[in-house]
Amino acid sequence: MARWVVLEEWAESEFGKPIPGKASLHKFAKNGMISPPARKVGRHWRVECNAKFVGIDKPMTKDSDSPLLKRILEDG
């Protein structure tokens, strides 16, 4: 069974010091940028101790988005 650790403790081992801010870490957890995904237990985000930061590969676009927005997001 995997050991779950508090997000800040995991971030120290994943990123080293200085770790990203608390708001950034919460955004990573909430938006699925950590694999395997983080879970909120009570008031704290927890991740498996062997989890990795994966980020986002490509921004998600919708069919209803404007062509200009799509071009900016896809081409950079």
PDB file of N, CA and C in Angstrom:
ATOM      1  N   MET A   1       0.840  -1.181   0.000  1.00  0.00           N
ATOM      2  CA  MET A   1       0.000   0.000   0.000  1.00  0.00           C
ATOM      3  C   MET A   1       0.883   1.240   0.000  1.00  0.00           C
ATOM      4  N   ALA A   2       0.508   2.235  -0.799  1.00  0.00           N
ATOM      5  CA  ALA A   2       1.302   3.450  -0.934  1.00  0.00           C
ATOM      6  C   ALA A   2       1.176   4.335   0.299  1.00  0.00           C
ATOM      7  N   ARG A   3       2.233   5.059   0.570  1.00  0.00           N
ATOM      8  CA  ARG A   3       2.230   5.991   1.687  1.00  0.00           C
ATOM      9  C   ARG A   3       1.837   7.369   1.155  1.00  0.00           C
ATOM     10  N   TRP A   4       0.873   7.995   1.787  1.00  0.00           N
ATOM     11  CA  TRP A   4       0.405   9.322   1.389  1.00  0.00           C
ATOM     12  C   TRP A   4       1.096  10.371   2.256  1.00  0.00           C
ATOM     13  N   VAL A   5       1.590  11.425   1.624  1.00  0.00           N
ATOM     14  CA  VAL A   5       2.270  12.501   2.347  1.00  0.00           C
ATOM     15  C   VAL A   5       1.596  13.824   2.021  1.00  0.00           C
ATOM     16  N   VAL A   6       1.783  14.793   2.893  1.00  0.00           N
ATOM     17  CA  VAL A   6       1.242  16.135   2.684  1.00  0.00           C
ATOM     18  C   VAL A   6       1.943  16.753   1.473  1.00  0.00           C
ATOM     19  N   LEU A   7       1.199  17.541   0.720  1.00  0.00           N
ATOM     20  CA  LEU A   7       1.675  18.117  -0.535  1.00  0.00           C
ATOM     21  C   LEU A   7       2.999  18.873  -0.383  1.00  0.00           C
ATOM     22  N   GLU A   8       3.140  19.661   0.666  1.00  0.00           N
ATOM     23  CA  GLU A   8       4.358  20.447   0.860  1.00  0.00           C
ATOM     24  C   GLU A   8       5.573  19.551   1.095  1.00  0.00           C
ATOM     25  N   GLU A   9       5.378  18.454   1.834  1.00  0.00           N
ATOM     26  CA  GLU A   9       6.468  17.510   2.093  1.00  0.00           C
ATOM     27  C   GLU A   9       6.907  16.832   0.787  1.00  0.00           C
ATOM     28  N   TRP A  10       5.924  16.450  -0.037  1.00  0.00           N
ATOM     29  CA  TRP A  10       6.223  15.851  -1.333  1.00  0.00           C
ATOM     30  C   TRP A  10       6.963  16.836  -2.235  1.00  0.00           C
ATOM     31  N   ALA A  11       6.524  18.104  -2.232  1.00  0.00           N
ATOM     32  CA  ALA A  11       7.122  19.125  -3.089  1.00  0.00           C
ATOM     33  C   ALA A  11       8.596  19.327  -2.755  1.00  0.00           C
ATOM     34  N   GLU A  12       8.954  19.230  -1.496  1.00  0.00           N
ATOM     35  CA  GLU A  12      10.351  19.394  -1.099  1.00  0.00           C
ATOM     36  C   GLU A  12      11.215  18.295  -1.705  1.00  0.00           C
ATOM     37  N   SER A  13      10.700  17.075  -1.745  1.00  0.00           N
ATOM     38  CA  SER A  13      11.481  15.985  -2.332  1.00  0.00           C
ATOM     39  C   SER A  13      11.436  16.015  -3.862  1.00  0.00           C
ATOM     40  N   GLU A  14      10.351  16.522  -4.448  1.00  0.00           N
ATOM     41  CA  GLU A  14      10.208  16.553  -5.905  1.00  0.00           C
ATOM     42  C   GLU A  14      10.949  17.727  -6.536  1.00  0.00           C
ATOM     43  N   PHE A  15      10.854  18.920  -5.939  1.00  0.00           N
ATOM     44  CA  PHE A  15      11.422  20.125  -6.524  1.00  0.00           C
ATOM     45  C   PHE A  15      12.698  20.588  -5.830  1.00  0.00           C
ATOM     46  N   GLY A  16      12.924  20.182  -4.599  1.00  0.00           N
ATOM     47  CA  GLY A  16      14.039  20.719  -3.824  1.00  0.00           C
ATOM     48  C   GLY A  16      13.655  22.065  -3.244  1.00  0.00           C
ATOM     49  N   LYS A  17      14.625  22.715  -2.618  1.00  0.00           N
ATOM     50  CA  LYS A  17      14.347  24.024  -2.030  1.00  0.00           C
ATOM     51  C   LYS A  17      14.782  25.099  -2.998  1.00  0.00           C
ATOM     52  N   PRO A  18      14.115  26.193  -3.123  1.00  0.00           N
ATOM     53  CA  PRO A  18      12.826  26.532  -2.522  1.00  0.00           C
ATOM     54  C   PRO A  18      11.693  25.839  -3.275  1.00  0.00           C
ATOM     55  N   ILE A  19      10.662  25.440  -2.549  1.00  0.00           N
ATOM     56  CA  ILE A  19       9.522  24.779  -3.181  1.00  0.00           C
ATOM     57  C   ILE A  19       8.578  25.838  -3.750  1.00  0.00           C
ATOM     58  N   PRO A  20       7.754  25.463  -4.738  1.00  0.00           N
ATOM     59  CA  PRO A  20       6.753  26.411  -5.237  1.00  0.00           C
ATOM     60  C   PRO A  20       5.807  26.842  -4.112  1.00  0.00           C
ATOM     61  N   GLY A  21       5.169  27.972  -4.308  1.00  0.00           N
ATOM     62  CA  GLY A  21       4.240  28.498  -3.303  1.00  0.00           C
ATOM     63  C   GLY A  21       3.051  27.580  -3.072  1.00  0.00           C
ATOM     64  N   LYS A  22       2.401  27.791  -1.957  1.00  0.00           N
ATOM     65  CA  LYS A  22       1.260  26.969  -1.566  1.00  0.00           C
ATOM     66  C   LYS A  22       0.146  27.036  -2.608  1.00  0.00           C
ATOM     67  N   ALA A  23      -0.125  28.230  -3.148  1.00  0.00           N
ATOM     68  CA  ALA A  23      -1.179  28.374  -4.158  1.00  0.00           C
ATOM     69  C   ALA A  23      -0.829  27.594  -5.423  1.00  0.00           C
ATOM     70  N   SER A  24       0.425  27.618  -5.827  1.00  0.00           N
ATOM     71  CA  SER A  24       0.854  26.870  -7.015  1.00  0.00           C
ATOM     72  C   SER A  24       0.721  25.370  -6.789  1.00  0.00           C
ATOM     73  N   LEU A  25       1.122  24.903  -5.624  1.00  0.00           N
ATOM     74  CA  LEU A  25       1.014  23.481  -5.310  1.00  0.00           C
ATOM     75  C   LEU A  25      -0.444  23.025  -5.326  1.00  0.00           C
ATOM     76  N   HIS A  26      -1.332  23.850  -4.773  1.00  0.00           N
ATOM     77  CA  HIS A  26      -2.746  23.507  -4.759  1.00  0.00           C
ATOM     78  C   HIS A  26      -3.297  23.473  -6.184  1.00  0.00           C
ATOM     79  N   LYS A  27      -2.842  24.399  -7.037  1.00  0.00           N
ATOM     80  CA  LYS A  27      -3.261  24.404  -8.435  1.00  0.00           C
ATOM     81  C   LYS A  27      -2.792  23.132  -9.139  1.00  0.00           C
ATOM     82  N   PHE A  28      -1.552  22.716  -8.885  1.00  0.00           N
ATOM     83  CA  PHE A  28      -1.033  21.481  -9.475  1.00  0.00           C
ATOM     84  C   PHE A  28      -1.911  20.297  -9.080  1.00  0.00           C
ATOM     85  N   ALA A  29      -2.260  20.224  -7.796  1.00  0.00           N
ATOM     86  CA  ALA A  29      -3.065  19.110  -7.296  1.00  0.00           C
ATOM     87  C   ALA A  29      -4.483  19.142  -7.870  1.00  0.00           C
ATOM     88  N   LYS A  30      -5.089  20.308  -7.862  1.00  0.00           N
ATOM     89  CA  LYS A  30      -6.478  20.445  -8.298  1.00  0.00           C
ATOM     90  C   LYS A  30      -6.643  20.192  -9.791  1.00  0.00           C
ATOM     91  N   ASN A  31      -5.650  20.579 -10.595  1.00  0.00           N
ATOM     92  CA  ASN A  31      -5.753  20.466 -12.047  1.00  0.00           C
ATOM     93  C   ASN A  31      -5.129  19.196 -12.614  1.00  0.00           C
ATOM     94  N   GLY A  32      -4.794  18.246 -11.769  1.00  0.00           N
ATOM     95  CA  GLY A  32      -4.298  16.964 -12.246  1.00  0.00           C
ATOM     96  C   GLY A  32      -2.897  17.002 -12.832  1.00  0.00           C
ATOM     97  N   MET A  33      -2.058  17.876 -12.330  1.00  0.00           N
ATOM     98  CA  MET A  33      -0.689  17.990 -12.836  1.00  0.00           C
ATOM     99  C   MET A  33       0.288  17.077 -12.109  1.00  0.00           C
ATOM    100  N   ILE A  34      -0.229  16.230 -11.233  1.00  0.00           N
ATOM    101  CA  ILE A  34       0.595  15.296 -10.470  1.00  0.00           C
ATOM    102  C   ILE A  34       0.085  13.886 -10.787  1.00  0.00           C
ATOM    103  N   SER A  35       1.023  12.977 -11.028  1.00  0.00           N
ATOM    104  CA  SER A  35       0.638  11.595 -11.324  1.00  0.00           C
ATOM    105  C   SER A  35       1.346  10.643 -10.375  1.00  0.00           C
ATOM    106  N   PRO A  36       0.636   9.727  -9.732  1.00  0.00           N
ATOM    107  CA  PRO A  36      -0.811   9.571  -9.658  1.00  0.00           C
ATOM    108  C   PRO A  36      -1.466  10.774  -8.985  1.00  0.00           C
ATOM    109  N   PRO A  37      -2.746  11.015  -9.275  1.00  0.00           N
ATOM    110  CA  PRO A  37      -3.419  12.233  -8.815  1.00  0.00           C
ATOM    111  C   PRO A  37      -3.415  12.412  -7.301  1.00  0.00           C
ATOM    112  N   ALA A  38      -3.385  13.673  -6.904  1.00  0.00           N
ATOM    113  CA  ALA A  38      -3.451  14.028  -5.486  1.00  0.00           C
ATOM    114  C   ALA A  38      -4.889  13.899  -4.995  1.00  0.00           C
ATOM    115  N   ARG A  39      -5.044  13.717  -3.691  1.00  0.00           N
ATOM    116  CA  ARG A  39      -6.368  13.643  -3.068  1.00  0.00           C
ATOM    117  C   ARG A  39      -6.435  14.653  -1.943  1.00  0.00           C
ATOM    118  N   LYS A  40      -7.618  15.206  -1.772  1.00  0.00           N
ATOM    119  CA  LYS A  40      -7.822  16.118  -0.650  1.00  0.00           C
ATOM    120  C   LYS A  40      -8.394  15.311   0.500  1.00  0.00           C
ATOM    121  N   VAL A  41      -7.662  15.274   1.602  1.00  0.00           N
ATOM    122  CA  VAL A  41      -8.091  14.545   2.794  1.00  0.00           C
ATOM    123  C   VAL A  41      -8.279  15.578   3.889  1.00  0.00           C
ATOM    124  N   GLY A  42      -9.535  15.807   4.246  1.00  0.00           N
ATOM    125  CA  GLY A  42      -9.824  16.866   5.215  1.00  0.00           C
ATOM    126  C   GLY A  42      -9.501  18.221   4.599  1.00  0.00           C
ATOM    127  N   ARG A  43      -8.608  18.957   5.224  1.00  0.00           N
ATOM    128  CA  ARG A  43      -8.218  20.274   4.712  1.00  0.00           C
ATOM    129  C   ARG A  43      -6.904  20.260   3.932  1.00  0.00           C
ATOM    130  N   HIS A  44      -6.287  19.102   3.815  1.00  0.00           N
ATOM    131  CA  HIS A  44      -4.953  19.028   3.236  1.00  0.00           C
ATOM    132  C   HIS A  44      -4.919  18.169   1.983  1.00  0.00           C
ATOM    133  N   TRP A  45      -4.135  18.605   0.989  1.00  0.00           N
ATOM    134  CA  TRP A  45      -3.886  17.805  -0.193  1.00  0.00           C
ATOM    135  C   TRP A  45      -2.806  16.792   0.155  1.00  0.00           C
ATOM    136  N   ARG A  46      -3.002  15.555  -0.293  1.00  0.00           N
ATOM    137  CA  ARG A  46      -2.017  14.501  -0.069  1.00  0.00           C
ATOM    138  C   ARG A  46      -1.723  13.799  -1.391  1.00  0.00           C
ATOM    139  N   VAL A  47      -0.476  13.362  -1.530  1.00  0.00           N
ATOM    140  CA  VAL A  47      -0.056  12.629  -2.723  1.00  0.00           C
ATOM    141  C   VAL A  47       0.715  11.396  -2.294  1.00  0.00           C
ATOM    142  N   GLU A  48       0.805  10.417  -3.186  1.00  0.00           N
ATOM    143  CA  GLU A  48       1.624   9.253  -2.906  1.00  0.00           C
ATOM    144  C   GLU A  48       3.077   9.693  -2.888  1.00  0.00           C
ATOM    145  N   CYS A  49       3.888   9.073  -2.040  1.00  0.00           N
ATOM    146  CA  CYS A  49       5.270   9.525  -1.889  1.00  0.00           C
ATOM    147  C   CYS A  49       6.087   9.349  -3.165  1.00  0.00           C
ATOM    148  N   ASN A  50       5.664   8.462  -4.073  1.00  0.00           N
ATOM    149  CA  ASN A  50       6.404   8.265  -5.318  1.00  0.00           C
ATOM    150  C   ASN A  50       5.797   9.028  -6.498  1.00  0.00           C
ATOM    151  N   ALA A  51       4.874   9.962  -6.245  1.00  0.00           N
ATOM    152  CA  ALA A  51       4.216  10.736  -7.299  1.00  0.00           C
ATOM    153  C   ALA A  51       5.205  11.660  -7.998  1.00  0.00           C
ATOM    154  N   LYS A  52       4.901  11.978  -9.248  1.00  0.00           N
ATOM    155  CA  LYS A  52       5.743  12.855 -10.065  1.00  0.00           C
ATOM    156  C   LYS A  52       4.923  14.016 -10.601  1.00  0.00           C
ATOM    157  N   PHE A  53       5.576  15.155 -10.774  1.00  0.00           N
ATOM    158  CA  PHE A  53       4.947  16.324 -11.388  1.00  0.00           C
ATOM    159  C   PHE A  53       4.984  16.129 -12.899  1.00  0.00           C
ATOM    160  N   VAL A  54       3.824  16.189 -13.565  1.00  0.00           N
ATOM    161  CA  VAL A  54       3.768  15.988 -15.007  1.00  0.00           C
ATOM    162  C   VAL A  54       3.365  17.250 -15.758  1.00  0.00           C
ATOM    163  N   GLY A  55       2.755  18.207 -15.101  1.00  0.00           N
ATOM    164  CA  GLY A  55       2.345  19.447 -15.757  1.00  0.00           C
ATOM    165  C   GLY A  55       1.234  19.202 -16.767  1.00  0.00           C
ATOM    166  N   ILE A  56       1.092  20.118 -17.717  1.00  0.00           N
ATOM    167  CA  ILE A  56       0.091  20.002 -18.771  1.00  0.00           C
ATOM    168  C   ILE A  56       0.834  19.963 -20.098  1.00  0.00           C
ATOM    169  N   ASP A  57       0.502  18.968 -20.940  1.00  0.00           N
ATOM    170  CA  ASP A  57       1.153  18.855 -22.240  1.00  0.00           C
ATOM    171  C   ASP A  57       0.714  19.954 -23.199  1.00  0.00           C
ATOM    172  N   LYS A  58      -0.578  20.051 -23.434  1.00  0.00           N
ATOM    173  CA  LYS A  58      -1.127  21.056 -24.347  1.00  0.00           C
ATOM    174  C   LYS A  58      -2.360  21.672 -23.707  1.00  0.00           C
ATOM    175  N   PRO A  59      -2.577  22.948 -23.940  1.00  0.00           N
ATOM    176  CA  PRO A  59      -3.790  23.563 -23.407  1.00  0.00           C
ATOM    177  C   PRO A  59      -5.028  22.978 -24.094  1.00  0.00           C
ATOM    178  N   MET A  60      -6.079  22.854 -23.345  1.00  0.00           N
ATOM    179  CA  MET A  60      -7.317  22.309 -23.892  1.00  0.00           C
ATOM    180  C   MET A  60      -8.120  23.426 -24.542  1.00  0.00           C
ATOM    181  N   THR A  61      -8.588  23.182 -25.757  1.00  0.00           N
ATOM    182  CA  THR A  61      -9.432  24.157 -26.446  1.00  0.00           C
ATOM    183  C   THR A  61     -10.777  23.509 -26.733  1.00  0.00           C
ATOM    184  N   LYS A  62     -11.779  24.358 -26.863  1.00  0.00           N
ATOM    185  CA  LYS A  62     -13.134  23.899 -27.161  1.00  0.00           C
ATOM    186  C   LYS A  62     -13.475  24.295 -28.594  1.00  0.00           C
ATOM    187  N   ASP A  63     -14.465  23.643 -29.158  1.00  0.00           N
ATOM    188  CA  ASP A  63     -14.909  24.001 -30.510  1.00  0.00           C
ATOM    189  C   ASP A  63     -15.456  25.418 -30.550  1.00  0.00           C
ATOM    190  N   SER A  64     -16.016  25.872 -29.438  1.00  0.00           N
ATOM    191  CA  SER A  64     -16.628  27.200 -29.404  1.00  0.00           C
ATOM    192  C   SER A  64     -15.612  28.326 -29.207  1.00  0.00           C
ATOM    193  N   ASP A  65     -14.339  27.989 -28.941  1.00  0.00           N
ATOM    194  CA  ASP A  65     -13.316  29.026 -28.775  1.00  0.00           C
ATOM    195  C   ASP A  65     -13.057  29.740 -30.096  1.00  0.00           C
ATOM    196  N   SER A  66     -12.671  31.005 -29.999  1.00  0.00           N
ATOM    197  CA  SER A  66     -12.413  31.777 -31.210  1.00  0.00           C
ATOM    198  C   SER A  66     -11.162  31.245 -31.924  1.00  0.00           C
ATOM    199  N   PRO A  67     -11.113  31.376 -33.235  1.00  0.00           N
ATOM    200  CA  PRO A  67      -9.941  30.901 -33.992  1.00  0.00           C
ATOM    201  C   PRO A  67      -8.638  31.565 -33.537  1.00  0.00           C
ATOM    202  N   LEU A  68      -8.711  32.836 -33.164  1.00  0.00           N
ATOM    203  CA  LEU A  68      -7.522  33.536 -32.698  1.00  0.00           C
ATOM    204  C   LEU A  68      -6.996  32.919 -31.403  1.00  0.00           C
ATOM    205  N   LEU A  69      -7.896  32.631 -30.467  1.00  0.00           N
ATOM    206  CA  LEU A  69      -7.502  32.004 -29.211  1.00  0.00           C
ATOM    207  C   LEU A  69      -6.889  30.632 -29.461  1.00  0.00           C
ATOM    208  N   LYS A  70      -7.513  29.834 -30.338  1.00  0.00           N
ATOM    209  CA  LYS A  70      -6.966  28.520 -30.673  1.00  0.00           C
ATOM    210  C   LYS A  70      -5.552  28.624 -31.234  1.00  0.00           C
ATOM    211  N   ARG A  71      -5.353  29.585 -32.139  1.00  0.00           N
ATOM    212  CA  ARG A  71      -4.031  29.756 -32.747  1.00  0.00           C
ATOM    213  C   ARG A  71      -2.990  30.151 -31.724  1.00  0.00           C
ATOM    214  N   ILE A  72      -3.350  31.035 -30.801  1.00  0.00           N
ATOM    215  CA  ILE A  72      -2.414  31.462 -29.754  1.00  0.00           C
ATOM    216  C   ILE A  72      -2.054  30.304 -28.848  1.00  0.00           C
ATOM    217  N   LEU A  73      -3.049  29.539 -28.416  1.00  0.00           N
ATOM    218  CA  LEU A  73      -2.805  28.435 -27.505  1.00  0.00           C
ATOM    219  C   LEU A  73      -2.035  27.294 -28.164  1.00  0.00           C
ATOM    220  N   GLU A  74      -2.270  27.024 -29.423  1.00  0.00           N
ATOM    221  CA  GLU A  74      -1.612  25.909 -30.086  1.00  0.00           C
ATOM    222  C   GLU A  74      -0.215  26.243 -30.565  1.00  0.00           C
ATOM    223  N   ASP A  75       0.001  27.481 -30.997  1.00  0.00           N
ATOM    224  CA  ASP A  75       1.303  27.857 -31.556  1.00  0.00           C
ATOM    225  C   ASP A  75       2.231  28.525 -30.543  1.00  0.00           C
ATOM    226  N   GLY A  76       1.660  29.016 -29.481  1.00  0.00           N
ATOM    227  CA  GLY A  76       2.461  29.701 -28.471  1.00  0.00           C
ATOM    228  C   GLY A  76       2.515  31.108 -28.764  1.00  0.00           C
TER     229      GLY A  76
END
